[in-house]
PDB file of N, CA and C in Angstrom:
ATOM      1  N   MET A   1      21.771   7.931  -6.847  1.00  0.00           N
ATOM      2  CA  MET A   1      21.840   6.357  -6.767  1.00  0.00           C
ATOM      3  C   MET A   1      22.704   5.935  -7.935  1.00  0.00           C
ATOM      4  N   GLY A   2      22.291   6.638  -8.991  1.00  0.00           N
ATOM      5  CA  GLY A   2      23.358   6.106  -9.636  1.00  0.00           C
ATOM      6  C   GLY A   2      25.190   5.957  -9.652  1.00  0.00           C
ATOM      7  N   GLU A   3      25.585   6.640  -8.893  1.00  0.00           N
ATOM      8  CA  GLU A   3      26.756   6.759  -8.406  1.00  0.00           C
ATOM      9  C   GLU A   3      27.807   6.046  -8.355  1.00  0.00           C
ATOM     10  N   LYS A   4      28.822   5.556  -8.862  1.00  0.00           N
ATOM     11  CA  LYS A   4      29.569   4.437  -8.585  1.00  0.00           C
ATOM     12  C   LYS A   4      30.277   4.317  -7.192  1.00  0.00           C
ATOM     13  N   HIS A   5      30.307   3.144  -7.065  1.00  0.00           N
ATOM     14  CA  HIS A   5      31.077   3.365  -5.247  1.00  0.00           C
ATOM     15  C   HIS A   5      32.292   2.685  -5.127  1.00  0.00           C
ATOM     16  N   ALA A   6      33.052   3.333  -4.548  1.00  0.00           N
ATOM     17  CA  ALA A   6      34.535   2.447  -4.593  1.00  0.00           C
ATOM     18  C   ALA A   6      34.664   1.090  -4.024  1.00  0.00           C
ATOM     19  N   PHE A   7      33.553   0.485  -3.317  1.00  0.00           N
ATOM     20  CA  PHE A   7      34.014  -0.683  -2.979  1.00  0.00           C
ATOM     21  C   PHE A   7      32.787  -1.263  -3.777  1.00  0.00           C
ATOM     22  N   GLY A   8      33.007  -2.757  -4.357  1.00  0.00           N
ATOM     23  CA  GLY A   8      32.168  -3.555  -4.827  1.00  0.00           C
ATOM     24  C   GLY A   8      31.345  -3.845  -3.814  1.00  0.00           C
ATOM     25  N   ALA A   9      29.839  -4.969  -4.384  1.00  0.00           N
ATOM     26  CA  ALA A   9      28.856  -4.869  -3.415  1.00  0.00           C
ATOM     27  C   ALA A   9      29.494  -6.138  -2.781  1.00  0.00           C
ATOM     28  N   LYS A  10      30.388  -7.272  -2.758  1.00  0.00           N
ATOM     29  CA  LYS A  10      30.656  -8.019  -1.835  1.00  0.00           C
ATOM     30  C   LYS A  10      31.962  -7.278  -1.028  1.00  0.00           C
ATOM     31  N   ALA A  11      32.577  -6.553  -1.558  1.00  0.00           N
ATOM     32  CA  ALA A  11      33.792  -5.826  -0.697  1.00  0.00           C
ATOM     33  C   ALA A  11      32.536  -4.877   0.501  1.00  0.00           C
ATOM     34  N   TRP A  12      31.719  -4.034   0.297  1.00  0.00           N
ATOM     35  CA  TRP A  12      30.935  -3.221   0.597  1.00  0.00           C
ATOM     36  C   TRP A  12      30.484  -3.994   1.800  1.00  0.00           C
ATOM     37  N   GLY A  13      29.886  -5.272   1.619  1.00  0.00           N
ATOM     38  CA  GLY A  13      28.801  -6.061   2.551  1.00  0.00           C
ATOM     39  C   GLY A  13      29.673  -6.630   3.369  1.00  0.00           C
ATOM     40  N   GLN A  14      30.827  -6.507   2.836  1.00  0.00           N
ATOM     41  CA  GLN A  14      32.162  -7.497   4.178  1.00  0.00           C
ATOM     42  C   GLN A  14      32.764  -6.419   5.066  1.00  0.00           C
ATOM     43  N   ALA A  15      32.913  -5.307   4.660  1.00  0.00           N
ATOM     44  CA  ALA A  15      32.842  -4.050   4.848  1.00  0.00           C
ATOM     45  C   ALA A  15      31.904  -3.688   6.345  1.00  0.00           C
ATOM     46  N   ALA A  16      30.645  -3.710   5.877  1.00  0.00           N
ATOM     47  CA  ALA A  16      29.791  -3.104   6.997  1.00  0.00           C
ATOM     48  C   ALA A  16      29.881  -4.476   7.624  1.00  0.00           C
ATOM     49  N   GLU A  17      30.065  -5.479   7.890  1.00  0.00           N
ATOM     50  CA  GLU A  17      29.548  -7.091   8.442  1.00  0.00           C
ATOM     51  C   GLU A  17      30.708  -6.265   9.789  1.00  0.00           C
ATOM     52  N   ARG A  18      32.050  -6.349   9.148  1.00  0.00           N
ATOM     53  CA  ARG A  18      32.904  -6.126  10.257  1.00  0.00           C
ATOM     54  C   ARG A  18      32.346  -4.928  11.233  1.00  0.00           C
ATOM     55  N   ARG A  19      31.654  -3.671  10.769  1.00  0.00           N
ATOM     56  CA  ARG A  19      31.977  -2.639  11.368  1.00  0.00           C
ATOM     57  C   ARG A  19      30.169  -2.133  11.873  1.00  0.00           C
ATOM     58  N   VAL A  20      29.266  -2.158  11.309  1.00  0.00           N
ATOM     59  CA  VAL A  20      28.178  -2.019  11.761  1.00  0.00           C
ATOM     60  C   VAL A  20      27.613  -2.473  13.042  1.00  0.00           C
ATOM     61  N   LYS A  21      27.520  -1.633  13.865  1.00  0.00           N
ATOM     62  CA  LYS A  21      26.427  -1.893  14.793  1.00  0.00           C
ATOM     63  C   LYS A  21      24.932  -1.503  15.097  1.00  0.00           C
ATOM     64  N   GLY A  22      25.161  -0.338  14.345  1.00  0.00           N
ATOM     65  CA  GLY A  22      23.501   0.299  14.306  1.00  0.00           C
ATOM     66  C   GLY A  22      23.689   1.397  13.128  1.00  0.00           C
ATOM     67  N   ILE A  23      22.210   1.661  12.790  1.00  0.00           N
ATOM     68  CA  ILE A  23      22.140   1.947  11.487  1.00  0.00           C
ATOM     69  C   ILE A  23      21.508   3.096  11.567  1.00  0.00           C
ATOM     70  N   VAL A  24      21.437   4.282  10.842  1.00  0.00           N
ATOM     71  CA  VAL A  24      20.697   5.666  10.743  1.00  0.00           C
ATOM     72  C   VAL A  24      20.303   6.092   9.428  1.00  0.00           C
ATOM     73  N   PHE A  25      19.026   5.940   9.464  1.00  0.00           N
ATOM     74  CA  PHE A  25      18.409   5.961   7.834  1.00  0.00           C
ATOM     75  C   PHE A  25      18.454   7.747   7.114  1.00  0.00           C
ATOM     76  N   ASP A  26      18.633   7.933   6.747  1.00  0.00           N
ATOM     77  CA  ASP A  26      18.157   9.021   5.825  1.00  0.00           C
ATOM     78  C   ASP A  26      17.335   8.913   4.931  1.00  0.00           C
ATOM     79  N   ALA A  27      16.576   9.919   4.012  1.00  0.00           N
ATOM     80  CA  ALA A  27      15.281   9.517   3.115  1.00  0.00           C
ATOM     81  C   ALA A  27      15.810   8.655   1.931  1.00  0.00           C
ATOM     82  N   GLY A  28      17.215   9.022   1.603  1.00  0.00           N
ATOM     83  CA  GLY A  28      17.894   7.868   0.419  1.00  0.00           C
ATOM     84  C   GLY A  28      17.728   6.833   0.846  1.00  0.00           C
ATOM     85  N   GLY A  29      18.208   6.635   2.146  1.00  0.00           N
ATOM     86  CA  GLY A  29      18.263   5.220   2.603  1.00  0.00           C
ATOM     87  C   GLY A  29      16.848   4.282   2.724  1.00  0.00           C
ATOM     88  N   LEU A  30      16.310   5.027   3.142  1.00  0.00           N
ATOM     89  CA  LEU A  30      14.484   4.503   3.126  1.00  0.00           C
ATOM     90  C   LEU A  30      14.185   4.325   1.884  1.00  0.00           C
ATOM     91  N   ILE A  31      14.171   5.038   0.871  1.00  0.00           N
ATOM     92  CA  ILE A  31      13.923   4.876  -0.436  1.00  0.00           C
ATOM     93  C   ILE A  31      14.632   4.043  -1.125  1.00  0.00           C
ATOM     94  N   ALA A  32      15.922   3.882  -0.618  1.00  0.00           N
ATOM     95  CA  ALA A  32      16.744   2.245  -1.442  1.00  0.00           C
ATOM     96  C   ALA A  32      16.121   1.344  -0.881  1.00  0.00           C
ATOM     97  N   LEU A  33      15.727   1.227   0.311  1.00  0.00           N
ATOM     98  CA  LEU A  33      15.583   0.096   1.140  1.00  0.00           C
ATOM     99  C   LEU A  33      14.403  -0.324  -0.143  1.00  0.00           C
ATOM    100  N   GLU A  34      12.933   0.682  -0.233  1.00  0.00           N
ATOM    101  CA  GLU A  34      12.056   0.126  -0.636  1.00  0.00           C
ATOM    102  C   GLU A  34      12.100  -0.319  -2.213  1.00  0.00           C
ATOM    103  N   ARG A  35      13.636  -0.185  -2.648  1.00  0.00           N
ATOM    104  CA  ARG A  35      13.973   0.077  -4.069  1.00  0.00           C
ATOM    105  C   ARG A  35      14.762  -1.409  -4.163  1.00  0.00           C
ATOM    106  N   ASN A  36      14.681  -2.399  -2.795  1.00  0.00           N
ATOM    107  CA  ASN A  36      15.314  -3.264  -2.738  1.00  0.00           C
ATOM    108  C   ASN A  36      16.770  -3.446  -2.932  1.00  0.00           C
ATOM    109  N   ASP A  37      17.217  -2.302  -2.420  1.00  0.00           N
ATOM    110  CA  ASP A  37      18.801  -2.062  -2.717  1.00  0.00           C
ATOM    111  C   ASP A  37      19.385  -2.941  -2.033  1.00  0.00           C
ATOM    112  N   ARG A  38      20.446  -3.899  -2.680  1.00  0.00           N
ATOM    113  CA  ARG A  38      21.009  -5.123  -2.232  1.00  0.00           C
ATOM    114  C   ARG A  38      22.485  -4.423  -0.673  1.00  0.00           C
ATOM    115  N   ARG A  39      23.018  -3.552  -1.422  1.00  0.00           N
ATOM    116  CA  ARG A  39      23.528  -2.888  -0.451  1.00  0.00           C
ATOM    117  C   ARG A  39      22.636  -2.259   1.067  1.00  0.00           C
ATOM    118  N   VAL A  40      21.809  -2.014   0.829  1.00  0.00           N
ATOM    119  CA  VAL A  40      20.893  -1.351   1.925  1.00  0.00           C
ATOM    120  C   VAL A  40      20.654  -2.542   3.051  1.00  0.00           C
ATOM    121  N   LEU A  41      20.462  -3.247   1.802  1.00  0.00           N
ATOM    122  CA  LEU A  41      19.929  -4.758   2.907  1.00  0.00           C
ATOM    123  C   LEU A  41      20.976  -5.238   3.389  1.00  0.00           C
ATOM    124  N   LEU A  42      22.492  -5.258   2.808  1.00  0.00           N
ATOM    125  CA  LEU A  42      23.361  -6.188   3.254  1.00  0.00           C
ATOM    126  C   LEU A  42      23.762  -5.539   4.839  1.00  0.00           C
ATOM    127  N   VAL A  43      23.793  -4.175   5.015  1.00  0.00           N
ATOM    128  CA  VAL A  43      24.292  -3.192   5.690  1.00  0.00           C
ATOM    129  C   VAL A  43      23.059  -3.470   6.799  1.00  0.00           C
ATOM    130  N   LEU A  44      21.874  -2.888   6.671  1.00  0.00           N
ATOM    131  CA  LEU A  44      20.753  -3.633   7.914  1.00  0.00           C
ATOM    132  C   LEU A  44      20.518  -4.781   8.299  1.00  0.00           C
ATOM    133  N   ASP A  45      21.010  -6.255   7.843  1.00  0.00           N
ATOM    134  CA  ASP A  45      21.626  -7.311   8.087  1.00  0.00           C
ATOM    135  C   ASP A  45      22.369  -7.477   8.931  1.00  0.00           C
ATOM    136  N   ALA A  46      23.930  -6.475   8.667  1.00  0.00           N
ATOM    137  CA  ALA A  46      25.047  -6.706   9.639  1.00  0.00           C
ATOM    138  C   ALA A  46      24.434  -5.996  11.117  1.00  0.00           C
ATOM    139  N   ALA A  47      23.879  -4.884  11.028  1.00  0.00           N
ATOM    140  CA  ALA A  47      23.122  -4.352  11.764  1.00  0.00           C
ATOM    141  C   ALA A  47      22.589  -5.035  13.082  1.00  0.00           C
ATOM    142  N   LEU A  48      21.789  -5.967  12.335  1.00  0.00           N
ATOM    143  CA  LEU A  48      20.577  -6.572  13.114  1.00  0.00           C
ATOM    144  C   LEU A  48      20.900  -7.762  13.861  1.00  0.00           C
ATOM    145  N   LYS A  49      22.393  -8.324  13.005  1.00  0.00           N
ATOM    146  CA  LYS A  49      22.921  -9.369  13.454  1.00  0.00           C
ATOM    147  C   LYS A  49      24.032  -9.152  14.457  1.00  0.00           C
ATOM    148  N   GLU A  50      24.053  -7.726  14.741  1.00  0.00           N
ATOM    149  CA  GLU A  50      25.660  -7.164  15.625  1.00  0.00           C
ATOM    150  C   GLU A  50      24.263  -6.760  17.148  1.00  0.00           C
ATOM    151  N   ASP A  51      23.124  -6.959  16.922  1.00  0.00           N
ATOM    152  CA  ASP A  51      21.716  -6.473  17.844  1.00  0.00           C
ATOM    153  C   ASP A  51      22.145  -5.000  17.991  1.00  0.00           C
ATOM    154  N   GLY A  52      22.343  -4.014  17.004  1.00  0.00           N
ATOM    155  CA  GLY A  52      22.252  -2.698  16.489  1.00  0.00           C
ATOM    156  C   GLY A  52      21.022  -2.410  16.582  1.00  0.00           C
ATOM    157  N   ARG A  53      21.139  -0.570  16.570  1.00  0.00           N
ATOM    158  CA  ARG A  53      19.826  -0.363  16.815  1.00  0.00           C
ATOM    159  C   ARG A  53      19.421   0.189  15.008  1.00  0.00           C
ATOM    160  N   VAL A  54      18.323   0.370  14.731  1.00  0.00           N
ATOM    161  CA  VAL A  54      18.082   1.138  13.425  1.00  0.00           C
ATOM    162  C   VAL A  54      17.243   2.098  13.909  1.00  0.00           C
ATOM    163  N   ILE A  55      17.903   3.534  13.497  1.00  0.00           N
ATOM    164  CA  ILE A  55      17.145   4.913  13.911  1.00  0.00           C
ATOM    165  C   ILE A  55      16.510   5.165  12.483  1.00  0.00           C
ATOM    166  N   VAL A  56      15.420   6.081  12.410  1.00  0.00           N
ATOM    167  CA  VAL A  56      14.800   6.383  11.524  1.00  0.00           C
ATOM    168  C   VAL A  56      14.152   7.735  12.194  1.00  0.00           C
ATOM    169  N   PRO A  57      15.075   9.002  11.900  1.00  0.00           N
ATOM    170  CA  PRO A  57      14.625  10.346  11.731  1.00  0.00           C
ATOM    171  C   PRO A  57      13.278  10.338  11.372  1.00  0.00           C
ATOM    172  N   ALA A  58      12.257  10.967  12.105  1.00  0.00           N
ATOM    173  CA  ALA A  58      10.936  10.851  11.992  1.00  0.00           C
ATOM    174  C   ALA A  58      11.169  12.261  10.456  1.00  0.00           C
ATOM    175  N   THR A  59      11.581  12.961  10.606  1.00  0.00           N
ATOM    176  CA  THR A  59      11.867  14.277   9.194  1.00  0.00           C
ATOM    177  C   THR A  59      12.021  13.147   7.953  1.00  0.00           C
ATOM    178  N   ALA A  60      13.201  12.331   8.173  1.00  0.00           N
ATOM    179  CA  ALA A  60      13.020  11.051   6.915  1.00  0.00           C
ATOM    180  C   ALA A  60      11.964  10.089   6.618  1.00  0.00           C
ATOM    181  N   LEU A  61      11.729   9.977   7.502  1.00  0.00           N
ATOM    182  CA  LEU A  61      10.176   9.084   7.236  1.00  0.00           C
ATOM    183  C   LEU A  61       9.468  10.000   6.417  1.00  0.00           C
ATOM    184  N   ALA A  62       8.906  11.259   7.184  1.00  0.00           N
ATOM    185  CA  ALA A  62       8.336  11.982   6.366  1.00  0.00           C
ATOM    186  C   ALA A  62       8.166  12.533   5.106  1.00  0.00           C
ATOM    187  N   GLN A  63       9.684  11.946   4.924  1.00  0.00           N
ATOM    188  CA  GLN A  63       9.800  12.492   3.349  1.00  0.00           C
ATOM    189  C   GLN A  63       9.670  11.532   2.535  1.00  0.00           C
ATOM    190  N   VAL A  64       9.423   9.846   3.079  1.00  0.00           N
ATOM    191  CA  VAL A  64       9.409   9.079   2.195  1.00  0.00           C
ATOM    192  C   VAL A  64       7.976   8.379   2.032  1.00  0.00           C
ATOM    193  N   ILE A  65       7.338   8.216   3.387  1.00  0.00           N
ATOM    194  CA  ILE A  65       6.528   7.566   3.646  1.00  0.00           C
ATOM    195  C   ILE A  65       4.995   8.254   2.624  1.00  0.00           C
ATOM    196  N   ARG A  66       4.305   6.985   1.992  1.00  0.00           N
ATOM    197  CA  ARG A  66       3.563   7.580   1.644  1.00  0.00           C
ATOM    198  C   ARG A  66       1.706   6.965   1.507  1.00  0.00           C
ATOM    199  N   ASN A  67       2.536   5.396   1.198  1.00  0.00           N
ATOM    200  CA  ASN A  67       1.407   4.638   1.710  1.00  0.00           C
ATOM    201  C   ASN A  67       1.760   3.249   1.959  1.00  0.00           C
ATOM    202  N   PRO A  68       1.837   2.987   3.380  1.00  0.00           N
ATOM    203  CA  PRO A  68       2.473   1.715   3.740  1.00  0.00           C
ATOM    204  C   PRO A  68       2.006   0.699   3.837  1.00  0.00           C
ATOM    205  N   ALA A  69       0.204   0.657   3.044  1.00  0.00           N
ATOM    206  CA  ALA A  69       0.406  -0.569   2.221  1.00  0.00           C
ATOM    207  C   ALA A  69       1.109  -1.244   1.555  1.00  0.00           C
ATOM    208  N   ARG A  70       2.001   0.123   0.422  1.00  0.00           N
ATOM    209  CA  ARG A  70       2.405  -0.307  -0.341  1.00  0.00           C
ATOM    210  C   ARG A  70       3.532  -0.287  -0.402  1.00  0.00           C
ATOM    211  N   GLN A  71       4.362   0.139   0.369  1.00  0.00           N
ATOM    212  CA  GLN A  71       5.662   0.344   1.289  1.00  0.00           C
ATOM    213  C   GLN A  71       5.723  -0.910   1.925  1.00  0.00           C
ATOM    214  N   VAL A  72       5.802  -1.960   1.688  1.00  0.00           N
ATOM    215  CA  VAL A  72       5.904  -3.444   2.598  1.00  0.00           C
ATOM    216  C   VAL A  72       7.387  -3.042   3.299  1.00  0.00           C
ATOM    217  N   ARG A  73       8.619  -2.999   2.675  1.00  0.00           N
ATOM    218  CA  ARG A  73       9.591  -3.656   3.003  1.00  0.00           C
ATOM    219  C   ARG A  73      10.032  -2.348   3.613  1.00  0.00           C
ATOM    220  N   LEU A  74       9.558  -1.114   3.866  1.00  0.00           N
ATOM    221  CA  LEU A  74      10.161  -0.057   5.011  1.00  0.00           C
ATOM    222  C   LEU A  74       8.911  -0.275   5.941  1.00  0.00           C
ATOM    223  N   TRP A  75       7.541  -0.673   6.124  1.00  0.00           N
ATOM    224  CA  TRP A  75       6.902  -0.733   6.682  1.00  0.00           C
ATOM    225  C   TRP A  75       7.324  -1.987   8.066  1.00  0.00           C
ATOM    226  N   ARG A  76       7.754  -3.039   7.159  1.00  0.00           N
ATOM    227  CA  ARG A  76       8.469  -4.060   8.485  1.00  0.00           C
ATOM    228  C   ARG A  76       9.662  -4.092   9.043  1.00  0.00           C
ATOM    229  N   MET A  77      10.257  -3.141   8.338  1.00  0.00           N
ATOM    230  CA  MET A  77      11.623  -2.519   8.957  1.00  0.00           C
ATOM    231  C   MET A  77      11.145  -1.464  10.558  1.00  0.00           C
ATOM    232  N   LEU A  78      10.309  -0.674  10.156  1.00  0.00           N
ATOM    233  CA  LEU A  78       9.910  -0.002  11.151  1.00  0.00           C
ATOM    234  C   LEU A  78       8.918  -0.596  12.039  1.00  0.00           C
ATOM    235  N   GLN A  79       8.234  -2.110  11.796  1.00  0.00           N
ATOM    236  CA  GLN A  79       7.929  -2.768  12.999  1.00  0.00           C
ATOM    237  C   GLN A  79       9.415  -3.432  13.807  1.00  0.00           C
ATOM    238  N   PHE A  80      10.557  -3.476  13.520  1.00  0.00           N
ATOM    239  CA  PHE A  80      11.634  -4.225  14.434  1.00  0.00           C
ATOM    240  C   PHE A  80      11.597  -4.048  15.267  1.00  0.00           C
ATOM    241  N   GLU A  81      11.922  -4.544  16.242  1.00  0.00           N
ATOM    242  CA  GLU A  81      11.398  -3.886  17.657  1.00  0.00           C
ATOM    243  C   GLU A  81      12.876  -3.215  17.992  1.00  0.00           C
ATOM    244  N   ARG A  82      13.996  -3.227  17.267  1.00  0.00           N
ATOM    245  CA  ARG A  82      15.240  -2.314  17.570  1.00  0.00           C
ATOM    246  C   ARG A  82      15.219  -0.913  16.602  1.00  0.00           C
ATOM    247  N   THR A  83      14.011  -0.793  16.042  1.00  0.00           N
ATOM    248  CA  THR A  83      13.977   0.512  14.941  1.00  0.00           C
ATOM    249  C   THR A  83      13.441   1.448  16.023  1.00  0.00           C
ATOM    250  N   GLU A  84      13.900   2.636  15.956  1.00  0.00           N
ATOM    251  CA  GLU A  84      13.388   3.439  17.100  1.00  0.00           C
ATOM    252  C   GLU A  84      13.007   4.838  15.582  1.00  0.00           C
ATOM    253  N   ILE A  85      12.036   5.411  15.889  1.00  0.00           N
ATOM    254  CA  ILE A  85      12.014   6.192  14.941  1.00  0.00           C
ATOM    255  C   ILE A  85      11.847   7.724  16.411  1.00  0.00           C
ATOM    256  N   ILE A  86      12.595   8.487  15.394  1.00  0.00           N
ATOM    257  CA  ILE A  86      13.344   9.607  16.930  1.00  0.00           C
ATOM    258  C   ILE A  86      12.795  10.885  16.390  1.00  0.00           C
ATOM    259  N   PRO A  87      12.340  12.389  17.255  1.00  0.00           N
ATOM    260  CA  PRO A  87      11.765  13.309  16.534  1.00  0.00           C
ATOM    261  C   PRO A  87      13.560  13.819  16.391  1.00  0.00           C
ATOM    262  N   LEU A  88      13.519  14.797  15.292  1.00  0.00           N
ATOM    263  CA  LEU A  88      14.611  15.343  15.393  1.00  0.00           C
ATOM    264  C   LEU A  88      15.178  16.637  16.296  1.00  0.00           C
ATOM    265  N   ASP A  89      15.402  16.807  17.168  1.00  0.00           N
ATOM    266  CA  ASP A  89      15.608  18.037  17.648  1.00  0.00           C
ATOM    267  C   ASP A  89      16.609  18.449  17.964  1.00  0.00           C
ATOM    268  N   GLY A  90      17.405  19.444  18.645  1.00  0.00           N
ATOM    269  CA  GLY A  90      18.977  19.920  18.319  1.00  0.00           C
ATOM    270  C   GLY A  90      19.724  18.959  18.926  1.00  0.00           C
ATOM    271  N   SER A  91      19.309  18.281  19.982  1.00  0.00           N
ATOM    272  CA  SER A  91      20.686  17.466  20.773  1.00  0.00           C
ATOM    273  C   SER A  91      20.204  16.011  19.656  1.00  0.00           C
ATOM    274  N   ASP A  92      19.242  15.639  19.172  1.00  0.00           N
ATOM    275  CA  ASP A  92      19.105  14.676  18.348  1.00  0.00           C
ATOM    276  C   ASP A  92      20.362  14.515  17.389  1.00  0.00           C
ATOM    277  N   ALA A  93      20.104  15.628  16.586  1.00  0.00           N
ATOM    278  CA  ALA A  93      20.289  15.962  15.315  1.00  0.00           C
ATOM    279  C   ALA A  93      21.960  15.899  15.427  1.00  0.00           C
ATOM    280  N   GLN A  94      22.901  16.495  16.566  1.00  0.00           N
ATOM    281  CA  GLN A  94      24.031  16.331  17.064  1.00  0.00           C
ATOM    282  C   GLN A  94      24.536  15.086  17.357  1.00  0.00           C
ATOM    283  N   ALA A  95      23.319  14.216  17.511  1.00  0.00           N
ATOM    284  CA  ALA A  95      23.657  12.502  18.291  1.00  0.00           C
ATOM    285  C   ALA A  95      23.695  12.245  16.842  1.00  0.00           C
ATOM    286  N   VAL A  96      23.088  12.158  16.102  1.00  0.00           N
ATOM    287  CA  VAL A  96      22.986  11.638  14.560  1.00  0.00           C
ATOM    288  C   VAL A  96      24.221  12.039  13.804  1.00  0.00           C
ATOM    289  N   GLY A  97      24.548  12.951  14.336  1.00  0.00           N
ATOM    290  CA  GLY A  97      25.272  13.434  12.879  1.00  0.00           C
ATOM    291  C   GLY A  97      26.921  13.316  13.792  1.00  0.00           C
ATOM    292  N   ALA A  98      26.900  12.833  14.968  1.00  0.00           N
ATOM    293  CA  ALA A  98      28.297  12.262  15.642  1.00  0.00           C
ATOM    294  C   ALA A  98      28.187  10.571  14.912  1.00  0.00           C
ATOM    295  N   LEU A  99      27.194  10.328  15.132  1.00  0.00           N
ATOM    296  CA  LEU A  99      27.463   8.577  14.710  1.00  0.00           C
ATOM    297  C   LEU A  99      27.615   8.805  13.321  1.00  0.00           C
ATOM    298  N   LEU A 100      27.056   9.574  12.367  1.00  0.00           N
ATOM    299  CA  LEU A 100      27.812   9.751  10.950  1.00  0.00           C
ATOM    300  C   LEU A 100      28.722   9.605  10.818  1.00  0.00           C
ATOM    301  N   GLY A 101      29.632  10.761  11.813  1.00  0.00           N
ATOM    302  CA  GLY A 101      31.078  11.038  11.523  1.00  0.00           C
ATOM    303  C   GLY A 101      31.852   9.965  11.568  1.00  0.00           C
ATOM    304  N   LYS A 102      31.427   8.966  12.444  1.00  0.00           N
ATOM    305  CA  LYS A 102      32.755   7.782  12.810  1.00  0.00           C
ATOM    306  C   LYS A 102      32.481   7.056  11.865  1.00  0.00           C
ATOM    307  N   THR A 103      32.046   7.104  10.194  1.00  0.00           N
ATOM    308  CA  THR A 103      31.893   6.140   9.353  1.00  0.00           C
ATOM    309  C   THR A 103      33.155   6.371   8.948  1.00  0.00           C
ATOM    310  N   ALA A 104      33.969   5.394   8.105  1.00  0.00           N
ATOM    311  CA  ALA A 104      34.923   5.512   7.891  1.00  0.00           C
ATOM    312  C   ALA A 104      35.115   5.342   6.241  1.00  0.00           C
ATOM    313  N   THR A 105      33.947   5.160   5.791  1.00  0.00           N
ATOM    314  CA  THR A 105      33.894   5.076   3.998  1.00  0.00           C
ATOM    315  C   THR A 105      32.321   5.997   4.051  1.00  0.00           C
ATOM    316  N   ALA A 106      32.322   6.511   2.668  1.00  0.00           N
ATOM    317  CA  ALA A 106      31.513   6.989   2.097  1.00  0.00           C
ATOM    318  C   ALA A 106      30.170   5.482   1.485  1.00  0.00           C
ATOM    319  N   VAL A 107      29.301   5.700   1.583  1.00  0.00           N
ATOM    320  CA  VAL A 107      28.112   4.584   2.289  1.00  0.00           C
ATOM    321  C   VAL A 107      27.419   4.879   0.789  1.00  0.00           C
ATOM    322  N   GLY A 108      27.254   5.995   0.071  1.00  0.00           N
ATOM    323  CA  GLY A 108      26.459   6.084  -0.717  1.00  0.00           C
ATOM    324  C   GLY A 108      25.089   6.870  -0.322  1.00  0.00           C
ATOM    325  N   PRO A 109      23.987   5.714  -0.835  1.00  0.00           N
ATOM    326  CA  PRO A 109      22.430   6.488  -0.903  1.00  0.00           C
ATOM    327  C   PRO A 109      22.134   6.056   0.950  1.00  0.00           C
ATOM    328  N   LEU A 110      23.025   5.386   1.838  1.00  0.00           N
ATOM    329  CA  LEU A 110      23.010   5.025   3.214  1.00  0.00           C
ATOM    330  C   LEU A 110      23.864   5.781   4.427  1.00  0.00           C
ATOM    331  N   ASP A 111      22.989   6.380   4.797  1.00  0.00           N
ATOM    332  CA  ASP A 111      24.011   6.893   5.928  1.00  0.00           C
ATOM    333  C   ASP A 111      23.891   6.063   7.119  1.00  0.00           C
ATOM    334  N   SER A 112      24.823   5.556   7.322  1.00  0.00           N
ATOM    335  CA  SER A 112      25.009   4.562   8.640  1.00  0.00           C
ATOM    336  C   SER A 112      26.573   4.556   9.484  1.00  0.00           C
ATOM    337  N   SER A 113      26.299   4.066  10.816  1.00  0.00           N
ATOM    338  CA  SER A 113      27.979   4.403  11.481  1.00  0.00           C
ATOM    339  C   SER A 113      28.061   3.182  12.470  1.00  0.00           C
ATOM    340  N   VAL A 114      29.264   2.971  12.922  1.00  0.00           N
ATOM    341  CA  VAL A 114      29.533   2.451  13.993  1.00  0.00           C
ATOM    342  C   VAL A 114      28.636   3.075  15.251  1.00  0.00           C
ATOM    343  N   GLN A 115      27.843   2.197  15.974  1.00  0.00           N
ATOM    344  CA  GLN A 115      27.723   3.200  17.322  1.00  0.00           C
ATOM    345  C   GLN A 115      29.211   2.865  18.284  1.00  0.00           C
TER     346      GLN A 115
END
């Protein structure tokens, strides 16, 4: 979380708005969402504006979810119509990896990609 990113927040958000049509969260991304990380919110907003899917692997969710009543941001995102919590079997892991491989930049705490 403390690492510096090549993009400033404004440039990073603009790049995300141009490219993101879906988003795959890892545990770090879910934690960043809970901490109200502006970068995560920008990418999530861009994905939703583009009618993108929000994918949360069940394994990442299991690492992060502790008390949904207190994890309001996370719980709200999980309730979005386009949020899918997926079991991560072999074929799903390959599909998620392919999505993540399409990203053109390092995105820090959040794994996202164009679909």
